[in-house]
Amino acid sequence: MKAAQHKQLSPLPAILLCSFLGATGMVNAIASTTPKMTITKPSATANSGHQNHGGHQPGTQPQPRSRRRGAGKQLILKNGEGAVVKFWAPDLSTQEVTLEGNRFTTPKSAVDNYHALVAERQSGDMKQAAIRYAYMRSRPSKESPSKLAAAQKTAFEIEPAPIPREHHRYMANKVWEFIIRFKGKPLSGIPVVLETNQGSRVEAISNDTGFVQFIIPDDFSEVKPGRRKNPPAEFSIFAEYKTESAQYETTLSAAYYVDPGHWKSKGLGAAVAGLGLVVGGFIGGIGRGNKRGNKQ
C-alpha cells in the first residue's frame, strides 16, 4: 500500500515564525478557552496529566484488549456533551455510534484498515469536531488509508499526511506532517497546537499549502528497552478558524510511542564496542604471533 506523496517541508520556517511572534502572541492566536473536545482511550483519560506510563491507574489492572478480528474498540469522548459521533469505514460509508455517557464502543468492522471516528457538535455559531483514526482487523478492504484521510468528514479538520501504516505508529522524536483544511481546501497561516497527556505543548503555523510539521515530544519519564515494555501516551492537535458566519474548532488525537532509538542506539553501541574488542584482540594476536616468529 503506497503512502500519499507530498512536498517535504522544513520545520525551520514555522519555528522561526513562532519565535518571532513570541510565546504570548502564539497563545493569543488560539483564542478559545473552552475545553477541547477529543476522542481518546479510557486509560489515557484516566491518567491525563500524570506521569503514569503503565496505561492504567496505580493499583488497578489495564483493560484487556480484544483480539477478535473486527471487534469494536472502547473509546471516550472528552468534553463532548451533546455531540454526535459517526464511524467512517475505508469505503467512506458511515454509521452513527451510540454513546453511553461519554463512552462508546466502535461497531464491528467487516473490513480491515483504518477507520475514522468523527464527533461533531454545534452550539449557536460555534461548530466543534474531533477525529481519531482506529485500525480495525478483518477481511481485506482493498482501500488506501489516504482515501479516508483525504475525504471531507467535517467542515474544519486536521488531516494526517499520511496516516502511519498498519505496522508503523506515531513515534516521539520524529517529524510528522498534517494538513489544515476547511471544506476540503488547505488553509495557510493557521496557528496549531499539539499537546500530550504528559504535559508537553508544541506550537506551529500552517504554511501556504496548509501543511504543518510537529516533532512529537520525547516526554516519557521512564524508558525500558523494547517497544512492548513502554505503553503509549496520547497527543491531541488543536486548531480553530473563524468565518463571517461561524467559529470552528477541531482536534485530532492519537497514541504515540517511545522513540526506539533509546534502546537501539545503546544496542548498536554495545555491538560496535564488542566488535571493536574482537577485532582488537584478533589484531593483537597477529601482532604477538609476528613477534614470536621474529624471535625464532
C-alpha atoms as a PDB file:
ATOM      1  CA  MET A   1       0.000   0.000   0.000  1.00  0.00           C
ATOM      2  CA  LYS A   2       1.600   3.216  -1.149  1.00  0.00           C
ATOM      3  CA  ALA A   3       1.626   6.187   1.194  1.00  0.00           C
ATOM      4  CA  ALA A   4       0.482   9.558  -0.042  1.00  0.00           C
ATOM      5  CA  GLN A   5       3.275  11.633  -1.561  1.00  0.00           C
ATOM      6  CA  HIS A   6       3.682  15.296  -0.687  1.00  0.00           C
ATOM      7  CA  LYS A   7       6.282  18.013  -0.719  1.00  0.00           C
ATOM      8  CA  GLN A   8       8.814  17.668   2.072  1.00  0.00           C
ATOM      9  CA  LEU A   9       8.844  20.665   4.372  1.00  0.00           C
ATOM     10  CA  SER A  10      11.397  22.107   6.722  1.00  0.00           C
ATOM     11  CA  PRO A  11      10.245  22.792  10.292  1.00  0.00           C
ATOM     12  CA  LEU A  12      12.601  25.806  10.465  1.00  0.00           C
ATOM     13  CA  PRO A  13      10.201  28.432   8.983  1.00  0.00           C
ATOM     14  CA  ALA A  14       7.468  27.556  11.475  1.00  0.00           C
ATOM     15  CA  ILE A  15       9.941  27.552  14.349  1.00  0.00           C
ATOM     16  CA  LEU A  16      11.342  30.948  13.300  1.00  0.00           C
ATOM     17  CA  LEU A  17       7.840  32.365  12.904  1.00  0.00           C
ATOM     18  CA  CYS A  18       6.852  31.124  16.365  1.00  0.00           C
ATOM     19  CA  SER A  19       9.992  32.723  17.796  1.00  0.00           C
ATOM     20  CA  PHE A  20       9.204  35.991  16.001  1.00  0.00           C
ATOM     21  CA  LEU A  21       5.628  36.109  17.279  1.00  0.00           C
ATOM     22  CA  GLY A  22       6.728  35.112  20.751  1.00  0.00           C
ATOM     23  CA  ALA A  23       5.002  32.729  23.112  1.00  0.00           C
ATOM     24  CA  THR A  24       2.389  35.323  24.114  1.00  0.00           C
ATOM     25  CA  GLY A  25       1.437  36.120  20.530  1.00  0.00           C
ATOM     26  CA  MET A  26       1.006  32.463  19.638  1.00  0.00           C
ATOM     27  CA  VAL A  27      -1.098  31.697  22.684  1.00  0.00           C
ATOM     28  CA  ASN A  28      -3.321  34.712  21.954  1.00  0.00           C
ATOM     29  CA  ALA A  29      -3.775  33.433  18.394  1.00  0.00           C
ATOM     30  CA  ILE A  30      -5.523  30.373  19.875  1.00  0.00           C
ATOM     31  CA  ALA A  31      -8.390  32.383  21.309  1.00  0.00           C
ATOM     32  CA  SER A  32     -10.681  29.630  22.563  1.00  0.00           C
ATOM     33  CA  THR A  33     -10.732  28.965  26.295  1.00  0.00           C
ATOM     34  CA  THR A  34     -13.430  26.268  26.198  1.00  0.00           C
ATOM     35  CA  PRO A  35     -12.399  22.658  26.969  1.00  0.00           C
ATOM     36  CA  LYS A  36     -11.314  20.875  23.812  1.00  0.00           C
ATOM     37  CA  MET A  37     -13.468  18.007  22.574  1.00  0.00           C
ATOM     38  CA  THR A  38     -11.278  14.951  21.948  1.00  0.00           C
ATOM     39  CA  ILE A  39     -11.654  11.213  21.359  1.00  0.00           C
ATOM     40  CA  THR A  40      -9.259   9.175  23.452  1.00  0.00           C
ATOM     41  CA  LYS A  41      -8.725   5.791  25.086  1.00  0.00           C
ATOM     42  CA  PRO A  42     -10.183   5.174  28.563  1.00  0.00           C
ATOM     43  CA  SER A  43      -6.753   4.644  30.160  1.00  0.00           C
ATOM     44  CA  ALA A  44      -5.420   7.863  28.617  1.00  0.00           C
ATOM     45  CA  THR A  45      -8.366   9.821  30.023  1.00  0.00           C
ATOM     46  CA  ALA A  46      -7.888   8.361  33.494  1.00  0.00           C
ATOM     47  CA  ASN A  47      -4.197   9.260  33.501  1.00  0.00           C
ATOM     48  CA  SER A  48      -4.285  12.627  31.743  1.00  0.00           C
ATOM     49  CA  GLY A  49      -1.740  14.942  33.311  1.00  0.00           C
ATOM     50  CA  HIS A  50       0.050  12.176  35.222  1.00  0.00           C
ATOM     51  CA  GLN A  51       3.388  10.554  34.586  1.00  0.00           C
ATOM     52  CA  ASN A  52       1.938   7.072  34.798  1.00  0.00           C
ATOM     53  CA  HIS A  53       3.047   5.249  31.680  1.00  0.00           C
ATOM     54  CA  GLY A  54       1.641   1.899  32.640  1.00  0.00           C
ATOM     55  CA  GLY A  55      -1.611   2.781  30.840  1.00  0.00           C
ATOM     56  CA  HIS A  56      -3.785   2.408  33.966  1.00  0.00           C
ATOM     57  CA  GLN A  57      -4.251   3.870  37.389  1.00  0.00           C
ATOM     58  CA  PRO A  58      -1.952   2.670  40.174  1.00  0.00           C
ATOM     59  CA  GLY A  59      -3.316  -0.403  41.914  1.00  0.00           C
ATOM     60  CA  THR A  60      -5.609  -1.354  39.043  1.00  0.00           C
ATOM     61  CA  GLN A  61      -5.251  -3.648  36.064  1.00  0.00           C
ATOM     62  CA  PRO A  62      -5.411  -2.386  32.467  1.00  0.00           C
ATOM     63  CA  GLN A  63      -8.497  -3.343  30.495  1.00  0.00           C
ATOM     64  CA  PRO A  64      -7.856  -6.360  28.258  1.00  0.00           C
ATOM     65  CA  ARG A  65      -7.898  -5.657  24.556  1.00  0.00           C
ATOM     66  CA  SER A  66      -9.991  -7.824  22.300  1.00  0.00           C
ATOM     67  CA  ARG A  67      -8.021  -9.919  19.845  1.00  0.00           C
ATOM     68  CA  ARG A  68     -11.035 -10.832  17.732  1.00  0.00           C
ATOM     69  CA  ARG A  69     -10.868  -9.722  14.134  1.00  0.00           C
ATOM     70  CA  GLY A  70     -13.194  -6.802  13.535  1.00  0.00           C
ATOM     71  CA  ALA A  71     -14.029  -6.394  17.233  1.00  0.00           C
ATOM     72  CA  GLY A  72     -15.068  -2.931  18.394  1.00  0.00           C
ATOM     73  CA  LYS A  73     -12.764  -0.585  20.296  1.00  0.00           C
ATOM     74  CA  GLN A  74     -13.677   1.168  23.535  1.00  0.00           C
ATOM     75  CA  LEU A  75     -13.161   4.933  23.444  1.00  0.00           C
ATOM     76  CA  ILE A  76     -14.129   8.065  25.371  1.00  0.00           C
ATOM     77  CA  LEU A  77     -15.407  11.378  24.063  1.00  0.00           C
ATOM     78  CA  LYS A  78     -13.998  14.081  26.353  1.00  0.00           C
ATOM     79  CA  ASN A  79     -15.895  17.354  26.712  1.00  0.00           C
ATOM     80  CA  GLY A  80     -18.360  16.175  24.109  1.00  0.00           C
ATOM     81  CA  GLU A  81     -21.764  16.609  25.731  1.00  0.00           C
ATOM     82  CA  GLY A  82     -24.421  16.821  23.029  1.00  0.00           C
ATOM     83  CA  ALA A  83     -22.094  15.686  20.215  1.00  0.00           C
ATOM     84  CA  VAL A  84     -22.933  13.145  17.518  1.00  0.00           C
ATOM     85  CA  VAL A  85     -20.292  10.508  16.724  1.00  0.00           C
ATOM     86  CA  LYS A  86     -20.021   8.769  13.373  1.00  0.00           C
ATOM     87  CA  PHE A  87     -17.950   5.736  12.403  1.00  0.00           C
ATOM     88  CA  TRP A  88     -16.343   6.052   8.947  1.00  0.00           C
ATOM     89  CA  ALA A  89     -15.286   2.900   7.080  1.00  0.00           C
ATOM     90  CA  PRO A  90     -12.445   2.784   4.499  1.00  0.00           C
ATOM     91  CA  ASP A  91     -15.003   2.930   1.661  1.00  0.00           C
ATOM     92  CA  LEU A  92     -16.362   6.186   3.199  1.00  0.00           C
ATOM     93  CA  SER A  93     -19.645   4.644   4.341  1.00  0.00           C
ATOM     94  CA  THR A  94     -20.785   5.888   7.773  1.00  0.00           C
ATOM     95  CA  GLN A  95     -22.940   4.864  10.710  1.00  0.00           C
ATOM     96  CA  GLU A  96     -23.826   6.676  13.901  1.00  0.00           C
ATOM     97  CA  VAL A  97     -22.314   5.452  17.169  1.00  0.00           C
ATOM     98  CA  THR A  98     -24.368   5.112  20.357  1.00  0.00           C
ATOM     99  CA  LEU A  99     -22.900   6.954  23.345  1.00  0.00           C
ATOM    100  CA  GLU A 100     -23.246   5.631  26.890  1.00  0.00           C
ATOM    101  CA  GLY A 101     -22.474   8.760  28.852  1.00  0.00           C
ATOM    102  CA  ASN A 102     -19.110   9.803  27.440  1.00  0.00           C
ATOM    103  CA  ARG A 103     -18.087   6.264  26.488  1.00  0.00           C
ATOM    104  CA  PHE A 104     -18.742   4.295  23.341  1.00  0.00           C
ATOM    105  CA  THR A 105     -17.665   1.162  21.518  1.00  0.00           C
ATOM    106  CA  THR A 106     -16.998   1.280  17.808  1.00  0.00           C
ATOM    107  CA  PRO A 107     -19.137  -1.002  15.635  1.00  0.00           C
ATOM    108  CA  LYS A 108     -17.607  -4.265  14.497  1.00  0.00           C
ATOM    109  CA  SER A 109     -15.831  -3.854  11.198  1.00  0.00           C
ATOM    110  CA  ALA A 110     -16.429  -6.002   8.130  1.00  0.00           C
ATOM    111  CA  VAL A 111     -13.086  -4.951   6.623  1.00  0.00           C
ATOM    112  CA  ASP A 112      -9.583  -4.177   7.816  1.00  0.00           C
ATOM    113  CA  ASN A 113      -7.608  -0.941   7.566  1.00  0.00           C
ATOM    114  CA  TYR A 114      -8.053   2.450   9.197  1.00  0.00           C
ATOM    115  CA  HIS A 115     -11.491   3.713  10.183  1.00  0.00           C
ATOM    116  CA  ALA A 116     -12.336   7.194  11.477  1.00  0.00           C
ATOM    117  CA  LEU A 117     -14.337   8.287  14.489  1.00  0.00           C
ATOM    118  CA  VAL A 118     -15.763  11.767  13.933  1.00  0.00           C
ATOM    119  CA  ALA A 119     -17.578  13.700  16.658  1.00  0.00           C
ATOM    120  CA  GLU A 120     -19.455  16.904  15.760  1.00  0.00           C
ATOM    121  CA  ARG A 121     -21.295  19.428  17.902  1.00  0.00           C
ATOM    122  CA  GLN A 122     -22.861  22.823  17.235  1.00  0.00           C
ATOM    123  CA  SER A 123     -23.906  25.471  19.761  1.00  0.00           C
ATOM    124  CA  GLY A 124     -25.006  28.745  18.210  1.00  0.00           C
ATOM    125  CA  ASP A 125     -22.317  29.833  15.774  1.00  0.00           C
ATOM    126  CA  MET A 126     -19.706  27.522  17.371  1.00  0.00           C
ATOM    127  CA  LYS A 127     -19.035  24.302  15.450  1.00  0.00           C
ATOM    128  CA  GLN A 128     -16.688  21.746  17.027  1.00  0.00           C
ATOM    129  CA  ALA A 129     -15.256  18.498  15.713  1.00  0.00           C
ATOM    130  CA  ALA A 130     -12.957  15.761  16.999  1.00  0.00           C
ATOM    131  CA  ILE A 131     -11.385  12.995  14.908  1.00  0.00           C
ATOM    132  CA  ARG A 132      -9.490   9.817  15.730  1.00  0.00           C
ATOM    133  CA  TYR A 133      -8.346   7.065  13.383  1.00  0.00           C
ATOM    134  CA  ALA A 134      -8.538   3.444  14.531  1.00  0.00           C
ATOM    135  CA  TYR A 135      -7.099   0.394  12.786  1.00  0.00           C
ATOM    136  CA  MET A 136      -9.588  -2.479  12.612  1.00  0.00           C
ATOM    137  CA  ARG A 137      -8.708  -6.058  11.683  1.00  0.00           C
ATOM    138  CA  SER A 138     -10.958  -8.089   9.414  1.00  0.00           C
ATOM    139  CA  ARG A 139     -11.030  -9.198   5.787  1.00  0.00           C
ATOM    140  CA  PRO A 140      -9.009  -7.037   3.327  1.00  0.00           C
ATOM    141  CA  SER A 141     -10.713  -3.767   2.429  1.00  0.00           C
ATOM    142  CA  LYS A 142      -8.621  -3.074  -0.699  1.00  0.00           C
ATOM    143  CA  GLU A 143      -8.815   0.625   0.151  1.00  0.00           C
ATOM    144  CA  SER A 144      -5.959   3.055   0.752  1.00  0.00           C
ATOM    145  CA  PRO A 145      -5.853   4.903   4.120  1.00  0.00           C
ATOM    146  CA  SER A 146      -5.147   8.089   2.164  1.00  0.00           C
ATOM    147  CA  LYS A 147      -8.667   7.891   0.701  1.00  0.00           C
ATOM    148  CA  LEU A 148     -10.205   8.070   4.165  1.00  0.00           C
ATOM    149  CA  ALA A 149      -7.783  10.738   5.397  1.00  0.00           C
ATOM    150  CA  ALA A 150      -8.384  12.989   2.363  1.00  0.00           C
ATOM    151  CA  ALA A 151     -12.188  12.682   2.470  1.00  0.00           C
ATOM    152  CA  GLN A 152     -14.082  15.630   3.943  1.00  0.00           C
ATOM    153  CA  LYS A 153     -15.502  14.215   7.169  1.00  0.00           C
ATOM    154  CA  THR A 154     -16.284  17.559   8.785  1.00  0.00           C
ATOM    155  CA  ALA A 155     -16.030  21.191   7.662  1.00  0.00           C
ATOM    156  CA  PHE A 156     -12.788  22.048   9.505  1.00  0.00           C
ATOM    157  CA  GLU A 157     -10.328  19.204  10.127  1.00  0.00           C
ATOM    158  CA  ILE A 158      -6.717  18.183  10.579  1.00  0.00           C
ATOM    159  CA  GLU A 159      -5.607  15.553   8.072  1.00  0.00           C
ATOM    160  CA  PRO A 160      -2.668  13.220   8.840  1.00  0.00           C
ATOM    161  CA  ALA A 161      -0.253  13.384   5.898  1.00  0.00           C
ATOM    162  CA  PRO A 162      -0.080  10.443   5.803  1.00  0.00           C
ATOM    163  CA  ILE A 163      -1.639   8.150   8.413  1.00  0.00           C
ATOM    164  CA  PRO A 164       1.083   5.786   9.742  1.00  0.00           C
ATOM    165  CA  ARG A 165       0.872   2.404   8.033  1.00  0.00           C
ATOM    166  CA  GLU A 166      -0.522  -0.688   9.780  1.00  0.00           C
ATOM    167  CA  HIS A 167       2.730  -1.843  11.383  1.00  0.00           C
ATOM    168  CA  HIS A 168       4.022   1.678  11.989  1.00  0.00           C
ATOM    169  CA  ARG A 169       2.892   4.213  14.559  1.00  0.00           C
ATOM    170  CA  TYR A 170       3.435   7.757  15.752  1.00  0.00           C
ATOM    171  CA  MET A 171       6.846   7.896  17.421  1.00  0.00           C
ATOM    172  CA  ALA A 172       8.382  10.518  19.675  1.00  0.00           C
ATOM    173  CA  ASN A 173      11.369  12.452  18.314  1.00  0.00           C
ATOM    174  CA  LYS A 174      10.111  12.053  14.718  1.00  0.00           C
ATOM    175  CA  VAL A 175       8.769  14.713  12.347  1.00  0.00           C
ATOM    176  CA  TRP A 176       5.109  14.238  11.437  1.00  0.00           C
ATOM    177  CA  GLU A 177       3.088  16.267   8.945  1.00  0.00           C
ATOM    178  CA  PHE A 178      -0.556  17.277   8.919  1.00  0.00           C
ATOM    179  CA  ILE A 179      -2.794  19.373   6.662  1.00  0.00           C
ATOM    180  CA  ILE A 180      -5.206  22.006   7.998  1.00  0.00           C
ATOM    181  CA  ARG A 181      -8.335  22.012   5.792  1.00  0.00           C
ATOM    182  CA  PHE A 182     -11.620  23.877   5.583  1.00  0.00           C
ATOM    183  CA  LYS A 183     -14.266  22.272   3.385  1.00  0.00           C
ATOM    184  CA  GLY A 184     -11.585  20.196   1.697  1.00  0.00           C
ATOM    185  CA  LYS A 185      -9.239  23.090   0.894  1.00  0.00           C
ATOM    186  CA  PRO A 186      -5.940  23.763   2.705  1.00  0.00           C
ATOM    187  CA  LEU A 187      -5.652  26.797   4.969  1.00  0.00           C
ATOM    188  CA  SER A 188      -2.478  28.811   5.459  1.00  0.00           C
ATOM    189  CA  GLY A 189      -1.430  30.847   8.475  1.00  0.00           C
ATOM    190  CA  ILE A 190      -3.477  28.821  10.982  1.00  0.00           C
ATOM    191  CA  PRO A 191      -1.960  28.547  14.490  1.00  0.00           C
ATOM    192  CA  VAL A 192      -1.913  24.894  15.561  1.00  0.00           C
ATOM    193  CA  VAL A 193      -1.107  23.403  18.966  1.00  0.00           C
ATOM    194  CA  LEU A 194      -0.001  19.859  19.803  1.00  0.00           C
ATOM    195  CA  GLU A 195      -0.420  18.774  23.428  1.00  0.00           C
ATOM    196  CA  THR A 196       0.383  15.457  25.096  1.00  0.00           C
ATOM    197  CA  ASN A 197      -1.188  13.907  28.167  1.00  0.00           C
ATOM    198  CA  GLN A 198       2.325  14.041  29.658  1.00  0.00           C
ATOM    199  CA  GLY A 199       2.070  17.836  29.828  1.00  0.00           C
ATOM    200  CA  SER A 200       4.087  18.846  26.739  1.00  0.00           C
ATOM    201  CA  ARG A 201       2.951  21.569  24.317  1.00  0.00           C
ATOM    202  CA  VAL A 202       4.283  22.406  20.842  1.00  0.00           C
ATOM    203  CA  GLU A 203       3.083  25.252  18.600  1.00  0.00           C
ATOM    204  CA  ALA A 204       3.328  25.826  14.856  1.00  0.00           C
ATOM    205  CA  ILE A 205       1.613  27.639  11.971  1.00  0.00           C
ATOM    206  CA  SER A 206       0.376  26.073   8.731  1.00  0.00           C
ATOM    207  CA  ASN A 207       2.293  27.068   5.602  1.00  0.00           C
ATOM    208  CA  ASP A 208       0.921  28.295   2.270  1.00  0.00           C
ATOM    209  CA  THR A 209      -0.202  24.766   1.297  1.00  0.00           C
ATOM    210  CA  GLY A 210      -1.856  24.045   4.640  1.00  0.00           C
ATOM    211  CA  PHE A 211       0.933  21.781   5.888  1.00  0.00           C
ATOM    212  CA  VAL A 212       2.184  21.890   9.447  1.00  0.00           C
ATOM    213  CA  GLN A 213       5.010  19.873  10.992  1.00  0.00           C
ATOM    214  CA  PHE A 214       5.483  18.657  14.540  1.00  0.00           C
ATOM    215  CA  ILE A 215       8.216  16.731  16.291  1.00  0.00           C
ATOM    216  CA  ILE A 216       6.282  14.762  18.891  1.00  0.00           C
ATOM    217  CA  PRO A 217       7.977  15.378  22.268  1.00  0.00           C
ATOM    218  CA  ASP A 218      10.010  12.578  23.797  1.00  0.00           C
ATOM    219  CA  ASP A 219       8.435  13.161  27.199  1.00  0.00           C
ATOM    220  CA  PHE A 220       8.313   9.652  28.653  1.00  0.00           C
ATOM    221  CA  SER A 221       9.750   9.831  32.168  1.00  0.00           C
ATOM    222  CA  GLU A 222      10.793   6.168  32.215  1.00  0.00           C
ATOM    223  CA  VAL A 223      12.004   4.200  29.212  1.00  0.00           C
ATOM    224  CA  LYS A 224      12.716   0.461  29.198  1.00  0.00           C
ATOM    225  CA  PRO A 225      14.448  -1.490  26.412  1.00  0.00           C
ATOM    226  CA  GLY A 226      11.891  -2.914  23.982  1.00  0.00           C
ATOM    227  CA  ARG A 227       8.715  -1.469  22.454  1.00  0.00           C
ATOM    228  CA  ARG A 228       6.315  -3.752  24.338  1.00  0.00           C
ATOM    229  CA  LYS A 229       7.702  -2.602  27.693  1.00  0.00           C
ATOM    230  CA  ASN A 230       6.758   1.023  27.007  1.00  0.00           C
ATOM    231  CA  PRO A 231       2.994   1.702  26.842  1.00  0.00           C
ATOM    232  CA  PRO A 232       1.978   4.590  24.576  1.00  0.00           C
ATOM    233  CA  ALA A 233       0.906   8.078  25.598  1.00  0.00           C
ATOM    234  CA  GLU A 234      -1.636  10.319  23.861  1.00  0.00           C
ATOM    235  CA  PHE A 235      -1.367  13.536  21.873  1.00  0.00           C
ATOM    236  CA  SER A 236      -4.028  15.860  20.507  1.00  0.00           C
ATOM    237  CA  ILE A 237      -3.658  18.553  17.851  1.00  0.00           C
ATOM    238  CA  PHE A 238      -5.959  21.562  18.059  1.00  0.00           C
ATOM    239  CA  ALA A 239      -6.793  24.400  15.681  1.00  0.00           C
ATOM    240  CA  GLU A 240      -9.552  26.965  15.252  1.00  0.00           C
ATOM    241  CA  TYR A 241     -10.843  29.006  12.337  1.00  0.00           C
ATOM    242  CA  LYS A 242     -13.360  31.823  12.088  1.00  0.00           C
ATOM    243  CA  THR A 243     -15.520  32.838   9.144  1.00  0.00           C
ATOM    244  CA  GLU A 244     -18.031  35.667   8.901  1.00  0.00           C
ATOM    245  CA  SER A 245     -20.842  33.371   9.997  1.00  0.00           C
ATOM    246  CA  ALA A 246     -19.273  30.770  12.319  1.00  0.00           C
ATOM    247  CA  GLN A 247     -16.410  29.789  14.618  1.00  0.00           C
ATOM    248  CA  TYR A 248     -14.818  26.360  14.052  1.00  0.00           C
ATOM    249  CA  GLU A 249     -12.707  24.218  16.381  1.00  0.00           C
ATOM    250  CA  THR A 250     -11.187  20.848  15.561  1.00  0.00           C
ATOM    251  CA  THR A 251      -8.937  18.264  17.204  1.00  0.00           C
ATOM    252  CA  LEU A 252      -7.091  15.181  16.015  1.00  0.00           C
ATOM    253  CA  SER A 253      -5.974  12.683  18.646  1.00  0.00           C
ATOM    254  CA  ALA A 254      -3.804   9.563  18.539  1.00  0.00           C
ATOM    255  CA  ALA A 255      -1.445   7.401  20.556  1.00  0.00           C
ATOM    256  CA  TYR A 256       2.311   7.881  20.280  1.00  0.00           C
ATOM    257  CA  TYR A 257       5.175   5.655  21.331  1.00  0.00           C
ATOM    258  CA  VAL A 258       8.663   5.874  22.771  1.00  0.00           C
ATOM    259  CA  ASP A 259      11.451   6.568  20.283  1.00  0.00           C
ATOM    260  CA  PRO A 260      13.083   3.137  19.721  1.00  0.00           C
ATOM    261  CA  GLY A 261      16.405   4.936  19.360  1.00  0.00           C
ATOM    262  CA  HIS A 262      16.606   4.857  23.156  1.00  0.00           C
ATOM    263  CA  TRP A 263      17.497   1.171  23.151  1.00  0.00           C
ATOM    264  CA  LYS A 264      18.554   0.642  19.546  1.00  0.00           C
ATOM    265  CA  SER A 265      21.373   3.191  19.804  1.00  0.00           C
ATOM    266  CA  LYS A 266      22.599   1.586  23.024  1.00  0.00           C
ATOM    267  CA  GLY A 267      22.403  -1.842  21.464  1.00  0.00           C
ATOM    268  CA  LEU A 268      24.304  -0.641  18.405  1.00  0.00           C
ATOM    269  CA  GLY A 269      26.908   0.999  20.621  1.00  0.00           C
ATOM    270  CA  ALA A 270      27.383  -2.202  22.589  1.00  0.00           C
ATOM    271  CA  ALA A 271      27.645  -4.208  19.375  1.00  0.00           C
ATOM    272  CA  VAL A 272      30.237  -1.807  17.957  1.00  0.00           C
ATOM    273  CA  ALA A 273      32.181  -1.886  21.205  1.00  0.00           C
ATOM    274  CA  GLY A 274      32.052  -5.682  21.252  1.00  0.00           C
ATOM    275  CA  LEU A 275      33.170  -5.842  17.631  1.00  0.00           C
ATOM    276  CA  GLY A 276      35.999  -3.466  18.471  1.00  0.00           C
ATOM    277  CA  LEU A 277      37.192  -5.775  21.251  1.00  0.00           C
ATOM    278  CA  VAL A 278      37.044  -8.805  18.964  1.00  0.00           C
ATOM    279  CA  VAL A 279      38.878  -7.061  16.132  1.00  0.00           C
ATOM    280  CA  GLY A 280      41.368  -5.547  18.561  1.00  0.00           C
ATOM    281  CA  GLY A 281      42.048  -8.942  20.106  1.00  0.00           C
ATOM    282  CA  PHE A 282      42.445 -10.511  16.680  1.00  0.00           C
ATOM    283  CA  ILE A 283      44.911  -7.846  15.541  1.00  0.00           C
ATOM    284  CA  GLY A 284      46.711  -8.045  18.852  1.00  0.00           C
ATOM    285  CA  GLY A 285      47.006 -11.819  18.452  1.00  0.00           C
ATOM    286  CA  ILE A 286      48.502 -11.400  14.985  1.00  0.00           C
ATOM    287  CA  GLY A 287      50.975  -8.871  16.341  1.00  0.00           C
ATOM    288  CA  ARG A 288      52.070 -11.179  19.148  1.00  0.00           C
ATOM    289  CA  GLY A 289      52.353 -14.055  16.686  1.00  0.00           C
ATOM    290  CA  ASN A 290      54.592 -11.987  14.423  1.00  0.00           C
ATOM    291  CA  LYS A 291      56.837 -11.052  17.335  1.00  0.00           C
ATOM    292  CA  ARG A 292      57.255 -14.692  18.331  1.00  0.00           C
ATOM    293  CA  GLY A 293      58.019 -15.583  14.716  1.00  0.00           C
ATOM    294  CA  ASN A 294      60.721 -12.891  14.502  1.00  0.00           C
ATOM    295  CA  LYS A 295      62.403 -14.187  17.658  1.00  0.00           C
ATOM    296  CA  GLN A 296      62.720 -17.725  16.300  1.00  0.00           C
END
